Amino acid sequence: MKQGLFITFEGPDGSGKTTVSRYVYETLLKLGYPVLYTREPGGIDIAEQIRHIILDPKNTAMDVKTEALLYAASRRQHFVEKIKPALLENKIVLCDRFVDSSLAYQGIARGIGFDEVLSINEFAIEGHFPDMTLYLEVDAQKGLSRIERRVFLDRLDQEALSFHEKVVDGYKTVMEHFKHRVVRINADQDVISVQQDALEEVLKKVKEYV
């Protein structure tokens, strides 16, 4: 590897990004690439503790700006403690959610503002955005129907359909703003097809850096 490569997976709830990103990670491992897998919010101990606060269904009184700042704080610690060191070691870092989630969920769906949320996150990550983002595209209703079977629904999972529709709209804004790095993946197909489409795009990117 000539340098580290940072790839993120995004999508509304129920898009299947965790399943797909894990598949891509396991495949890259088998192929012998130096790869690290992580997630947000979380990924390291401090960030996981913040994750619990953010997603706890009991925290219904949380102000939307508090939510956005907690995500940024979690991201900062995750970035400096895990992501940045791995990139400096020339690893491929795969992350389940990153800055784009905050832009879509808090910036647009919560109504804080795209630029406002972008600003606090640029500060948190020192302007280090992903090299490529795979956006798993599925409509809000379809995504929610998939997560209904989960044993536990977190605070954001439990939001109304209208909120999740705004999240999808938020991702459209993200894709327009960062069109140079966002690749759309049709997530409204069987999981094997989605996994293969995502893997194909990642491998094309990886080969540019080998």
Protein backbone atom coordinates (compact mmCIF):
# COMPACT_ATOMS: atom_id res chain seq x y z
CA MET A 1 0.00 0.00 0.00
CA LYS A 2 1.30 3.47 -0.89
CA GLN A 3 -0.81 5.13 1.80
CA GLY A 4 -3.73 4.43 4.05
CA LEU A 5 -7.17 4.19 2.48
CA PHE A 6 -10.31 5.29 4.32
CA ILE A 7 -13.64 3.84 3.15
CA THR A 8 -16.97 4.42 4.88
CA PHE A 9 -20.38 2.77 4.56
CA GLU A 10 -23.51 4.89 4.88
CA GLY A 11 -27.24 4.48 4.57
CA PRO A 12 -30.55 4.93 6.35
CA ASP A 13 -31.57 2.50 9.08
CA GLY A 14 -32.25 -0.92 7.61
CA SER A 15 -30.09 -0.39 4.53
CA GLY A 16 -27.90 -3.36 5.47
CA LYS A 17 -24.64 -1.42 5.68
CA THR A 18 -23.35 -3.32 8.72
CA THR A 19 -23.89 -6.70 7.07
CA VAL A 20 -22.38 -5.49 3.82
CA SER A 21 -19.39 -3.72 5.37
CA ARG A 22 -18.55 -6.79 7.46
CA TYR A 23 -18.66 -8.93 4.32
CA VAL A 24 -16.29 -6.57 2.50
CA TYR A 25 -13.95 -6.56 5.50
CA GLU A 26 -13.85 -10.34 5.77
CA THR A 27 -13.22 -10.68 2.03
CA LEU A 28 -10.35 -8.19 2.06
CA LEU A 29 -8.83 -10.07 5.00
CA LYS A 30 -8.97 -13.33 3.06
CA LEU A 31 -7.30 -11.61 0.11
CA GLY A 32 -4.44 -10.59 2.36
CA TYR A 33 -4.98 -6.84 2.55
CA PRO A 34 -4.01 -4.91 5.72
CA VAL A 35 -7.51 -3.92 6.76
CA LEU A 36 -9.15 -2.56 9.92
CA TYR A 37 -12.89 -2.62 10.58
CA THR A 38 -14.63 -0.21 12.95
CA ARG A 39 -17.96 1.52 13.53
CA GLU A 40 -19.61 4.74 14.65
CA PRO A 41 -20.70 5.88 17.06
CA GLY A 42 -18.22 3.75 18.97
CA GLY A 43 -15.19 1.81 17.84
CA ILE A 44 -13.18 2.44 21.01
CA ASP A 45 -14.08 2.45 24.71
CA ILE A 46 -14.74 6.16 25.26
CA ALA A 47 -16.75 6.46 22.05
CA GLU A 48 -18.78 3.36 22.94
CA GLN A 49 -19.72 4.98 26.25
CA ILE A 50 -20.90 8.08 24.39
CA ARG A 51 -22.80 5.82 21.97
CA HIS A 52 -24.77 4.38 24.86
CA ILE A 53 -25.80 7.86 26.01
CA ILE A 54 -26.84 8.96 22.53
CA LEU A 55 -28.85 5.86 21.61
CA ASP A 56 -30.42 5.02 24.99
CA PRO A 57 -34.21 5.17 24.43
CA LYS A 58 -34.59 6.69 27.90
CA ASN A 59 -32.81 9.88 26.83
CA THR A 60 -35.82 11.42 25.14
CA ALA A 61 -35.04 14.86 26.62
CA MET A 62 -31.78 15.15 24.69
CA ASP A 63 -31.50 18.45 22.82
CA VAL A 64 -30.74 18.05 19.11
CA LYS A 65 -27.57 20.15 19.33
CA THR A 66 -26.41 18.12 22.31
CA GLU A 67 -26.93 15.02 20.17
CA ALA A 68 -24.87 16.48 17.33
CA LEU A 69 -22.06 17.53 19.66
CA LEU A 70 -21.97 14.11 21.34
CA TYR A 71 -21.62 12.44 17.95
CA ALA A 72 -18.78 14.81 17.07
CA ALA A 73 -17.07 14.17 20.42
CA SER A 74 -17.35 10.41 19.96
CA ARG A 75 -16.01 10.77 16.41
CA ARG A 76 -13.06 12.85 17.56
CA GLN A 77 -11.89 10.27 20.08
CA HIS A 78 -12.48 7.43 17.62
CA PHE A 79 -10.53 9.25 14.90
CA VAL A 80 -7.45 10.12 16.96
CA GLU A 81 -7.31 6.82 18.86
CA LYS A 82 -8.11 4.31 16.13
CA ILE A 83 -8.66 5.59 12.59
CA LYS A 84 -5.75 8.01 12.18
CA PRO A 85 -3.11 5.62 13.62
CA ALA A 86 -4.30 2.84 11.30
CA LEU A 87 -4.09 5.12 8.27
CA LEU A 88 -0.58 6.16 9.28
CA GLU A 89 0.27 2.45 9.28
CA ASN A 90 -0.93 2.30 5.65
CA LYS A 91 -3.97 0.20 6.45
CA ILE A 92 -7.32 0.11 4.70
CA VAL A 93 -9.85 1.38 7.23
CA LEU A 94 -13.49 0.37 6.75
CA CYS A 95 -15.95 2.25 8.94
CA ASP A 96 -19.66 1.60 9.42
CA ARG A 97 -20.91 5.25 9.47
CA PHE A 98 -18.86 8.42 9.79
CA VAL A 99 -19.35 12.16 9.22
CA ASP A 100 -22.05 11.76 6.55
CA SER A 101 -24.39 10.19 9.10
CA SER A 102 -24.24 13.34 11.23
CA LEU A 103 -24.85 15.53 8.19
CA ALA A 104 -27.93 13.52 7.19
CA TYR A 105 -29.38 12.75 10.64
CA GLN A 106 -28.54 15.86 12.64
CA GLY A 107 -27.83 18.42 9.93
CA ILE A 108 -30.89 17.77 7.78
CA ALA A 109 -33.34 15.46 9.60
CA ARG A 110 -32.96 17.26 12.95
CA GLY A 111 -32.93 20.63 11.21
CA ILE A 112 -29.70 21.96 12.73
CA GLY A 113 -28.25 22.81 9.35
CA PHE A 114 -25.86 21.05 6.97
CA ASP A 115 -23.12 23.67 7.23
CA GLU A 116 -23.37 23.92 11.01
CA VAL A 117 -22.92 20.17 11.51
CA LEU A 118 -20.22 20.04 8.84
CA SER A 119 -18.27 22.73 10.71
CA ILE A 120 -18.17 20.96 14.09
CA ASN A 121 -17.20 17.70 12.42
CA GLU A 122 -14.44 19.24 10.32
CA PHE A 123 -13.01 20.44 13.63
CA ALA A 124 -13.40 16.96 15.15
CA ILE A 125 -11.66 15.07 12.36
CA GLU A 126 -9.16 17.75 11.33
CA GLY A 127 -10.69 17.81 7.86
CA HIS A 128 -9.84 14.16 7.22
CA PHE A 129 -12.78 12.91 5.14
CA PRO A 130 -13.11 9.41 3.66
CA ASP A 131 -11.43 8.57 0.36
CA MET A 132 -14.60 6.78 -0.70
CA THR A 133 -18.09 6.35 0.74
CA LEU A 134 -20.50 3.62 -0.28
CA TYR A 135 -24.06 4.79 0.15
CA LEU A 136 -26.51 1.88 0.44
CA GLU A 137 -29.63 3.34 -1.11
CA VAL A 138 -33.07 2.21 0.05
CA ASP A 139 -36.25 4.13 0.80
CA ALA A 140 -37.13 4.88 4.40
CA GLN A 141 -40.23 2.67 4.57
CA LYS A 142 -38.35 -0.37 3.24
CA GLY A 143 -35.51 0.20 5.67
CA LEU A 144 -37.81 0.49 8.67
CA SER A 145 -39.66 -2.68 7.68
CA ARG A 146 -36.34 -4.52 7.88
CA ILE A 147 -35.49 -3.36 11.40
CA GLU A 148 -38.92 -4.15 12.87
CA ARG A 149 -37.62 -7.66 13.62
CA ARG A 150 -34.78 -6.40 15.81
CA VAL A 151 -34.96 -7.32 19.49
CA PHE A 152 -33.76 -3.85 20.50
CA LEU A 153 -34.59 -0.57 18.78
CA ASP A 154 -32.43 2.39 19.84
CA ARG A 155 -33.59 5.98 20.27
CA LEU A 156 -33.13 6.86 16.61
CA ASP A 157 -34.63 3.60 15.34
CA GLN A 158 -37.81 4.52 17.20
CA GLU A 159 -38.25 7.85 15.41
CA ALA A 160 -41.31 8.27 13.17
CA LEU A 161 -41.27 7.44 9.46
CA SER A 162 -41.24 11.18 8.68
CA PHE A 163 -37.88 11.54 10.44
CA HIS A 164 -36.36 8.66 8.49
CA GLU A 165 -37.66 10.14 5.25
CA LYS A 166 -35.82 13.35 6.14
CA VAL A 167 -32.69 11.24 6.73
CA VAL A 168 -32.94 9.92 3.16
CA ASP A 169 -33.33 13.51 1.94
CA GLY A 170 -30.30 14.41 4.02
CA TYR A 171 -28.20 11.79 2.29
CA LYS A 172 -29.22 13.25 -1.07
CA THR A 173 -27.70 16.54 0.08
CA VAL A 174 -24.57 14.71 1.21
CA MET A 175 -24.24 12.96 -2.14
CA GLU A 176 -24.59 16.24 -4.00
CA HIS A 177 -22.01 17.97 -1.80
CA PHE A 178 -19.49 15.10 -1.89
CA LYS A 179 -20.25 13.60 -5.31
CA HIS A 180 -16.53 13.05 -5.93
CA ARG A 181 -16.33 10.32 -3.27
CA VAL A 182 -19.84 8.89 -2.82
CA VAL A 183 -20.75 5.72 -4.75
CA ARG A 184 -24.37 4.62 -4.73
CA ILE A 185 -25.18 0.95 -4.15
CA ASN A 186 -28.70 -0.32 -4.79
CA ALA A 187 -29.64 -1.83 -1.42
CA ASP A 188 -33.15 -2.74 -2.56
CA GLN A 189 -32.04 -6.16 -3.83
CA ASP A 190 -31.06 -9.46 -2.22
CA VAL A 191 -28.20 -9.25 0.26
CA ILE A 192 -25.77 -11.29 -1.86
CA SER A 193 -26.18 -8.91 -4.79
CA VAL A 194 -25.66 -5.89 -2.53
CA GLN A 195 -22.53 -7.45 -1.03
CA GLN A 196 -21.08 -8.23 -4.45
CA ASP A 197 -21.80 -4.74 -5.79
CA ALA A 198 -20.16 -3.15 -2.75
CA LEU A 199 -17.14 -5.45 -2.91
CA GLU A 200 -16.62 -4.70 -6.59
CA GLU A 201 -16.54 -0.95 -5.93
CA VAL A 202 -14.18 -1.31 -2.97
CA LEU A 203 -11.77 -3.54 -4.88
CA LYS A 204 -11.62 -1.03 -7.71
CA LYS A 205 -10.66 1.67 -5.21
CA VAL A 206 -8.18 -0.54 -3.37
CA LYS A 207 -6.34 -1.40 -6.60
CA GLU A 208 -5.74 2.30 -7.20
CA TYR A 209 -3.70 2.41 -3.98
CA VAL A 210 -1.68 -0.79 -4.29
